[in-house]
C-alpha atoms as a PDB file:
ATOM      1  CA  UNK A   1       4.695  19.623   8.529  1.00  0.00           C
ATOM      2  CA  UNK A   2       7.211  22.582   8.574  1.00  0.00           C
ATOM      3  CA  UNK A   3       9.556  23.151   5.533  1.00  0.00           C
ATOM      4  CA  UNK A   4      12.775  21.124   5.888  1.00  0.00           C
ATOM      5  CA  UNK A   5      11.089  18.440   8.029  1.00  0.00           C
ATOM      6  CA  UNK A   6      12.084  14.900   7.195  1.00  0.00           C
ATOM      7  CA  UNK A   7       9.901  12.888   4.794  1.00  0.00           C
ATOM      8  CA  UNK A   8       9.327   9.121   5.071  1.00  0.00           C
ATOM      9  CA  UNK A   9       8.442   7.467   1.763  1.00  0.00           C
ATOM     10  CA  UNK A  10       6.975   3.913   1.832  1.00  0.00           C
ATOM     11  CA  UNK A  11       6.770   2.055  -1.491  1.00  0.00           C
ATOM     12  CA  UNK A  12       4.688  -1.073  -0.726  1.00  0.00           C
ATOM     13  CA  UNK A  13       3.303  -1.744  -4.059  1.00  0.00           C
ATOM     14  CA  UNK A  14       5.964  -4.013  -5.350  1.00  0.00           C
ATOM     15  CA  UNK A  15       8.996  -5.108  -3.260  1.00  0.00           C
ATOM     16  CA  UNK A  16       8.966  -3.042  -0.186  1.00  0.00           C
ATOM     17  CA  UNK A  17      11.247  -0.027  -0.115  1.00  0.00           C
ATOM     18  CA  UNK A  18      11.732   2.632   2.573  1.00  0.00           C
ATOM     19  CA  UNK A  19      13.224   5.989   2.101  1.00  0.00           C
ATOM     20  CA  UNK A  20      13.982   8.919   4.466  1.00  0.00           C
ATOM     21  CA  UNK A  21      14.490  12.191   2.675  1.00  0.00           C
ATOM     22  CA  UNK A  22      15.033  10.247  -0.510  1.00  0.00           C
ATOM     23  CA  UNK A  23      17.637   7.937   0.954  1.00  0.00           C
ATOM     24  CA  UNK A  24      16.873   4.217   1.001  1.00  0.00           C
ATOM     25  CA  UNK A  25      17.237   2.779   4.472  1.00  0.00           C
ATOM     26  CA  UNK A  26      17.466  -0.784   5.565  1.00  0.00           C
ATOM     27  CA  UNK A  27      15.316  -2.064   8.488  1.00  0.00           C
ATOM     28  CA  UNK A  28      17.162  -4.623  10.393  1.00  0.00           C
ATOM     29  CA  UNK A  29      14.386  -7.183  10.698  1.00  0.00           C
ATOM     30  CA  UNK A  30      11.519  -8.386   8.530  1.00  0.00           C
ATOM     31  CA  UNK A  31       9.108  -8.091  11.483  1.00  0.00           C
ATOM     32  CA  UNK A  32      10.043  -4.307  11.598  1.00  0.00           C
ATOM     33  CA  UNK A  33       9.171  -3.876   7.868  1.00  0.00           C
ATOM     34  CA  UNK A  34       5.906  -5.878   8.415  1.00  0.00           C
ATOM     35  CA  UNK A  35       4.967  -3.573  11.375  1.00  0.00           C
ATOM     36  CA  UNK A  36       5.718  -0.368   9.427  1.00  0.00           C
ATOM     37  CA  UNK A  37       3.742  -1.663   6.486  1.00  0.00           C
ATOM     38  CA  UNK A  38       0.729  -2.659   8.709  1.00  0.00           C
ATOM     39  CA  UNK A  39       0.700   0.608  10.507  1.00  0.00           C
ATOM     40  CA  UNK A  40       0.953   2.621   7.234  1.00  0.00           C
ATOM     41  CA  UNK A  41      -1.825   0.752   5.475  1.00  0.00           C
ATOM     42  CA  UNK A  42      -4.306   0.370   8.230  1.00  0.00           C
ATOM     43  CA  UNK A  43      -3.818   4.041   8.990  1.00  0.00           C
ATOM     44  CA  UNK A  44      -4.918   3.981  12.600  1.00  0.00           C
ATOM     45  CA  UNK A  45      -3.597   3.313  15.957  1.00  0.00           C
ATOM     46  CA  UNK A  46      -3.163  -0.389  16.728  1.00  0.00           C
ATOM     47  CA  UNK A  47      -3.209  -2.178  20.180  1.00  0.00           C
ATOM     48  CA  UNK A  48       0.105  -3.625  21.322  1.00  0.00           C
ATOM     49  CA  UNK A  49      -1.611  -6.940  22.092  1.00  0.00           C
ATOM     50  CA  UNK A  50      -3.168  -7.047  18.734  1.00  0.00           C
ATOM     51  CA  UNK A  51       0.213  -6.381  16.958  1.00  0.00           C
ATOM     52  CA  UNK A  52       2.046  -8.777  19.105  1.00  0.00           C
ATOM     53  CA  UNK A  53      -0.441 -11.480  18.225  1.00  0.00           C
ATOM     54  CA  UNK A  54      -0.267 -10.617  14.592  1.00  0.00           C
ATOM     55  CA  UNK A  55       3.535 -10.821  14.293  1.00  0.00           C
ATOM     56  CA  UNK A  56       4.387 -13.497  16.984  1.00  0.00           C
ATOM     57  CA  UNK A  57       1.369 -15.834  17.253  1.00  0.00           C
ATOM     58  CA  UNK A  58       3.628 -18.677  18.564  1.00  0.00           C
ATOM     59  CA  UNK A  59       4.573 -16.663  21.657  1.00  0.00           C
ATOM     60  CA  UNK A  60       2.779 -16.295  24.978  1.00  0.00           C
ATOM     61  CA  UNK A  61       1.681 -12.639  25.621  1.00  0.00           C
ATOM     62  CA  UNK A  62       4.681 -11.690  27.761  1.00  0.00           C
ATOM     63  CA  UNK A  63       7.303 -12.838  25.278  1.00  0.00           C
ATOM     64  CA  UNK A  64       5.257 -11.356  22.312  1.00  0.00           C
ATOM     65  CA  UNK A  65       5.162  -7.966  23.945  1.00  0.00           C
ATOM     66  CA  UNK A  66       8.709  -8.118  24.715  1.00  0.00           C
ATOM     67  CA  UNK A  67       9.493  -8.891  20.949  1.00  0.00           C
ATOM     68  CA  UNK A  68       7.322  -5.993  19.954  1.00  0.00           C
ATOM     69  CA  UNK A  69       9.310  -3.700  22.335  1.00  0.00           C
ATOM     70  CA  UNK A  70      12.563  -4.730  20.691  1.00  0.00           C
ATOM     71  CA  UNK A  71      11.157  -4.450  17.183  1.00  0.00           C
ATOM     72  CA  UNK A  72       9.803  -0.974  17.992  1.00  0.00           C
ATOM     73  CA  UNK A  73      13.231  -0.015  19.136  1.00  0.00           C
ATOM     74  CA  UNK A  74      14.765  -1.306  15.953  1.00  0.00           C
ATOM     75  CA  UNK A  75      12.345   0.585  13.834  1.00  0.00           C
ATOM     76  CA  UNK A  76      12.725   3.905  15.692  1.00  0.00           C
ATOM     77  CA  UNK A  77      16.453   3.562  15.383  1.00  0.00           C
ATOM     78  CA  UNK A  78      16.091   2.984  11.614  1.00  0.00           C
ATOM     79  CA  UNK A  79      13.769   6.033  11.296  1.00  0.00           C
ATOM     80  CA  UNK A  80      15.942   8.436  13.407  1.00  0.00           C
ATOM     81  CA  UNK A  81      13.398   8.409  16.136  1.00  0.00           C
ATOM     82  CA  UNK A  82      10.697   9.861  14.058  1.00  0.00           C
ATOM     83  CA  UNK A  83       7.232   8.733  12.984  1.00  0.00           C
ATOM     84  CA  UNK A  84       6.797   5.769  15.284  1.00  0.00           C
ATOM     85  CA  UNK A  85       4.508   6.712  18.120  1.00  0.00           C
ATOM     86  CA  UNK A  86       3.835   4.439  21.037  1.00  0.00           C
ATOM     87  CA  UNK A  87       2.493   4.441  24.458  1.00  0.00           C
ATOM     88  CA  UNK A  88       1.603   1.611  26.956  1.00  0.00           C
ATOM     89  CA  UNK A  89      -1.258   0.398  24.848  1.00  0.00           C
ATOM     90  CA  UNK A  90      -1.205   1.782  21.354  1.00  0.00           C
ATOM     91  CA  UNK A  91       1.160   2.072  18.409  1.00  0.00           C
ATOM     92  CA  UNK A  92       0.723   4.294  15.513  1.00  0.00           C
ATOM     93  CA  UNK A  93       2.490   6.314  12.789  1.00  0.00           C
ATOM     94  CA  UNK A  94       2.710  10.173  12.849  1.00  0.00           C
ATOM     95  CA  UNK A  95       1.217  11.100   9.292  1.00  0.00           C
ATOM     96  CA  UNK A  96       3.504  14.228   9.169  1.00  0.00           C
ATOM     97  CA  UNK A  97       5.828  13.746   6.315  1.00  0.00           C
ATOM     98  CA  UNK A  98       4.629  10.266   5.718  1.00  0.00           C
ATOM     99  CA  UNK A  99       4.209   9.365   1.866  1.00  0.00           C
ATOM    100  CA  UNK A 100       2.812   6.024   1.220  1.00  0.00           C
ATOM    101  CA  UNK A 101       2.100   4.699  -2.380  1.00  0.00           C
ATOM    102  CA  UNK A 102      -0.787   2.625  -1.220  1.00  0.00           C
ATOM    103  CA  UNK A 103      -2.442   5.781   0.320  1.00  0.00           C
ATOM    104  CA  UNK A 104      -1.635   7.724  -2.839  1.00  0.00           C
ATOM    105  CA  UNK A 105      -2.987   4.952  -4.966  1.00  0.00           C
ATOM    106  CA  UNK A 106      -6.318   4.737  -3.053  1.00  0.00           C
ATOM    107  CA  UNK A 107      -6.620   8.451  -2.910  1.00  0.00           C
ATOM    108  CA  UNK A 108      -6.309   8.718  -6.692  1.00  0.00           C
ATOM    109  CA  UNK A 109      -9.030   5.907  -7.139  1.00  0.00           C
ATOM    110  CA  UNK A 110     -11.274   7.536  -4.602  1.00  0.00           C
ATOM    111  CA  UNK A 111     -10.980  10.940  -6.394  1.00  0.00           C
ATOM    112  CA  UNK A 112     -12.329   9.340  -9.551  1.00  0.00           C
ATOM    113  CA  UNK A 113     -15.099   7.473  -7.678  1.00  0.00           C
ATOM    114  CA  UNK A 114     -16.148  10.790  -6.122  1.00  0.00           C
ATOM    115  CA  UNK A 115     -16.144  12.804  -9.344  1.00  0.00           C
ATOM    116  CA  UNK A 116     -19.616  12.498 -10.859  1.00  0.00           C
ATOM    117  CA  UNK A 117     -20.193  13.262 -14.584  1.00  0.00           C
ATOM    118  CA  UNK A 118     -23.723  14.077 -15.852  1.00  0.00           C
ATOM    119  CA  UNK A 119     -22.972  12.291 -19.101  1.00  0.00           C
ATOM    120  CA  UNK A 120     -21.547   9.269 -17.371  1.00  0.00           C
ATOM    121  CA  UNK A 121     -18.209   9.604 -19.123  1.00  0.00           C
ATOM    122  CA  UNK A 122     -14.651   9.794 -17.711  1.00  0.00           C
ATOM    123  CA  UNK A 123     -13.302  13.263 -17.815  1.00  0.00           C
ATOM    124  CA  UNK A 124      -9.550  14.154 -18.446  1.00  0.00           C
ATOM    125  CA  UNK A 125      -9.008  14.911 -14.874  1.00  0.00           C
ATOM    126  CA  UNK A 126     -10.307  11.403 -14.013  1.00  0.00           C
ATOM    127  CA  UNK A 127      -8.312   9.861 -16.679  1.00  0.00           C
ATOM    128  CA  UNK A 128      -5.181  11.543 -15.174  1.00  0.00           C
ATOM    129  CA  UNK A 129      -5.995  10.284 -11.740  1.00  0.00           C
ATOM    130  CA  UNK A 130      -6.587   6.669 -13.102  1.00  0.00           C
ATOM    131  CA  UNK A 131      -3.175   6.878 -14.965  1.00  0.00           C
ATOM    132  CA  UNK A 132      -1.493   7.996 -11.750  1.00  0.00           C
ATOM    133  CA  UNK A 133      -3.052   5.101  -9.826  1.00  0.00           C
ATOM    134  CA  UNK A 134      -1.880   2.711 -12.417  1.00  0.00           C
ATOM    135  CA  UNK A 135       1.635   4.087 -12.383  1.00  0.00           C
ATOM    136  CA  UNK A 136       1.917   3.899  -8.577  1.00  0.00           C
ATOM    137  CA  UNK A 137       0.949   0.168  -8.716  1.00  0.00           C
ATOM    138  CA  UNK A 138       4.471  -0.903  -9.790  1.00  0.00           C
ATOM    139  CA  UNK A 139       3.781  -4.487  -8.459  1.00  0.00           C
ATOM    140  CA  UNK A 140       1.718  -6.565  -5.994  1.00  0.00           C
ATOM    141  CA  UNK A 141       1.411  -5.457  -2.567  1.00  0.00           C
ATOM    142  CA  UNK A 142       4.705  -6.243  -0.613  1.00  0.00           C
ATOM    143  CA  UNK A 143       5.802  -8.357  -3.528  1.00  0.00           C
ATOM    144  CA  UNK A 144       8.160 -11.226  -2.484  1.00  0.00           C
ATOM    145  CA  UNK A 145       7.794 -10.491   1.147  1.00  0.00           C
ATOM    146  CA  UNK A 146       6.483 -12.886   3.732  1.00  0.00           C
ATOM    147  CA  UNK A 147       7.003 -13.923   7.369  1.00  0.00           C
ATOM    148  CA  UNK A 148       7.533 -17.739   7.765  1.00  0.00           C
ATOM    149  CA  UNK A 149       6.355 -17.741  11.488  1.00  0.00           C
ATOM    150  CA  UNK A 150       3.475 -15.251  11.412  1.00  0.00           C
ATOM    151  CA  UNK A 151       0.511 -16.718   9.666  1.00  0.00           C
ATOM    152  CA  UNK A 152      -1.831 -13.978  10.960  1.00  0.00           C
ATOM    153  CA  UNK A 153       0.182 -11.355   9.068  1.00  0.00           C
ATOM    154  CA  UNK A 154       0.498 -13.374   6.000  1.00  0.00           C
ATOM    155  CA  UNK A 155      -3.248 -13.744   5.948  1.00  0.00           C
ATOM    156  CA  UNK A 156      -3.716 -10.090   6.243  1.00  0.00           C
ATOM    157  CA  UNK A 157      -0.976  -9.471   3.610  1.00  0.00           C
ATOM    158  CA  UNK A 158      -2.799 -11.753   1.089  1.00  0.00           C
ATOM    159  CA  UNK A 159      -6.316 -10.195   1.752  1.00  0.00           C
ATOM    160  CA  UNK A 160      -4.750  -6.574   1.373  1.00  0.00           C
ATOM    161  CA  UNK A 161      -2.961  -7.714  -1.819  1.00  0.00           C
ATOM    162  CA  UNK A 162      -6.131  -9.213  -3.392  1.00  0.00           C
ATOM    163  CA  UNK A 163      -8.052  -6.067  -2.545  1.00  0.00           C
ATOM    164  CA  UNK A 164      -5.463  -3.757  -4.044  1.00  0.00           C
ATOM    165  CA  UNK A 165      -5.373  -6.053  -7.139  1.00  0.00           C
ATOM    166  CA  UNK A 166      -9.201  -5.718  -7.488  1.00  0.00           C
ATOM    167  CA  UNK A 167      -8.958  -1.891  -7.251  1.00  0.00           C
ATOM    168  CA  UNK A 168      -6.202  -1.824  -9.800  1.00  0.00           C
ATOM    169  CA  UNK A 169      -8.317  -4.058 -12.203  1.00  0.00           C
ATOM    170  CA  UNK A 170     -11.192  -1.695 -11.872  1.00  0.00           C
ATOM    171  CA  UNK A 171      -9.077   1.429 -12.508  1.00  0.00           C
ATOM    172  CA  UNK A 172      -7.696  -0.309 -15.691  1.00  0.00           C
ATOM    173  CA  UNK A 173     -11.231  -1.355 -16.818  1.00  0.00           C
ATOM    174  CA  UNK A 174     -12.086   2.397 -16.459  1.00  0.00           C
ATOM    175  CA  UNK A 175      -9.040   3.434 -18.423  1.00  0.00           C
ATOM    176  CA  UNK A 176      -9.848   0.902 -21.298  1.00  0.00           C
ATOM    177  CA  UNK A 177     -13.354   2.454 -21.533  1.00  0.00           C
ATOM    178  CA  UNK A 178     -12.237   5.922 -21.276  1.00  0.00           C
ATOM    179  CA  UNK A 179      -9.442   5.766 -23.919  1.00  0.00           C
ATOM    180  CA  UNK A 180     -11.720   3.650 -26.246  1.00  0.00           C
ATOM    181  CA  UNK A 181     -14.407   6.303 -26.080  1.00  0.00           C
ATOM    182  CA  UNK A 182     -11.879   8.816 -27.210  1.00  0.00           C
ATOM    183  CA  UNK A 183     -10.581   6.571 -29.994  1.00  0.00           C
ATOM    184  CA  UNK A 184      -7.090   6.489 -28.279  1.00  0.00           C
ATOM    185  CA  UNK A 185      -6.439   2.858 -29.347  1.00  0.00           C
ATOM    186  CA  UNK A 186      -2.861   2.714 -28.218  1.00  0.00           C
ATOM    187  CA  UNK A 187      -3.603   3.850 -24.722  1.00  0.00           C
ATOM    188  CA  UNK A 188      -6.741   1.545 -24.432  1.00  0.00           C
ATOM    189  CA  UNK A 189      -4.792  -1.442 -25.775  1.00  0.00           C
ATOM    190  CA  UNK A 190      -1.954  -0.790 -23.144  1.00  0.00           C
ATOM    191  CA  UNK A 191      -4.432  -0.552 -20.321  1.00  0.00           C
ATOM    192  CA  UNK A 192      -6.265  -3.682 -21.459  1.00  0.00           C
ATOM    193  CA  UNK A 193      -3.101  -5.633 -21.780  1.00  0.00           C
ATOM    194  CA  UNK A 194      -2.012  -4.739 -18.360  1.00  0.00           C
ATOM    195  CA  UNK A 195      -5.555  -5.601 -17.014  1.00  0.00           C
ATOM    196  CA  UNK A 196      -5.327  -9.168 -18.672  1.00  0.00           C
ATOM    197  CA  UNK A 197      -1.960  -9.710 -16.937  1.00  0.00           C
ATOM    198  CA  UNK A 198      -3.616  -9.417 -13.546  1.00  0.00           C
ATOM    199  CA  UNK A 199      -6.285 -12.041 -14.509  1.00  0.00           C
ATOM    200  CA  UNK A 200      -5.455 -14.104 -17.598  1.00  0.00           C
ATOM    201  CA  UNK A 201      -8.777 -15.933 -17.428  1.00  0.00           C
ATOM    202  CA  UNK A 202     -10.884 -12.860 -17.331  1.00  0.00           C
ATOM    203  CA  UNK A 203     -13.082 -12.985 -20.406  1.00  0.00           C
ATOM    204  CA  UNK A 204     -14.045  -9.378 -20.420  1.00  0.00           C
ATOM    205  CA  UNK A 205     -10.340  -8.399 -20.455  1.00  0.00           C
ATOM    206  CA  UNK A 206      -9.791 -10.819 -23.310  1.00  0.00           C
ATOM    207  CA  UNK A 207     -12.588  -9.050 -25.320  1.00  0.00           C
ATOM    208  CA  UNK A 208     -11.090  -5.575 -24.618  1.00  0.00           C
END
């Protein structure tokens, strides 16, 4: 991406928010928001027929593909013609200038998982990455968002939300141990309290 090129920021952890160059934009339809989130989180080209079935399961193939064409047009218009790339069979997002909190969250968690320590402890760099991941997770995935007429999308949404919650829980567990090992009681307690809020029945979180 060249300096001065536009940036698309997607905040999907919590109520969805879309910004272009720091300015919030409104996407005209919920299906367009759902499509944008799905393409961003899956991170790979998706077949038109697959997306049509995901978002318009009650339509026949011809009507669903027509609805997808209209939604793609709406999304392109909202984004100034950038990022959404489609041909006759596939739809994807151009990653240039794309900033997704889900990708950043998972990147921070992956950095910790890939940083081995001979003594088995969590180093300051890993603590920083874990804190960054926890800060990015401002709420549940697509919090408060649903599609009344697209059960396949809602099923994907729920599964992705549960996966991200598990990843956040594991990150918070690691923070509790890391801060505890350094006798940083206040930081450990804050992480443990947040961990407990994700699963009030978790016995280990209660002990922490």
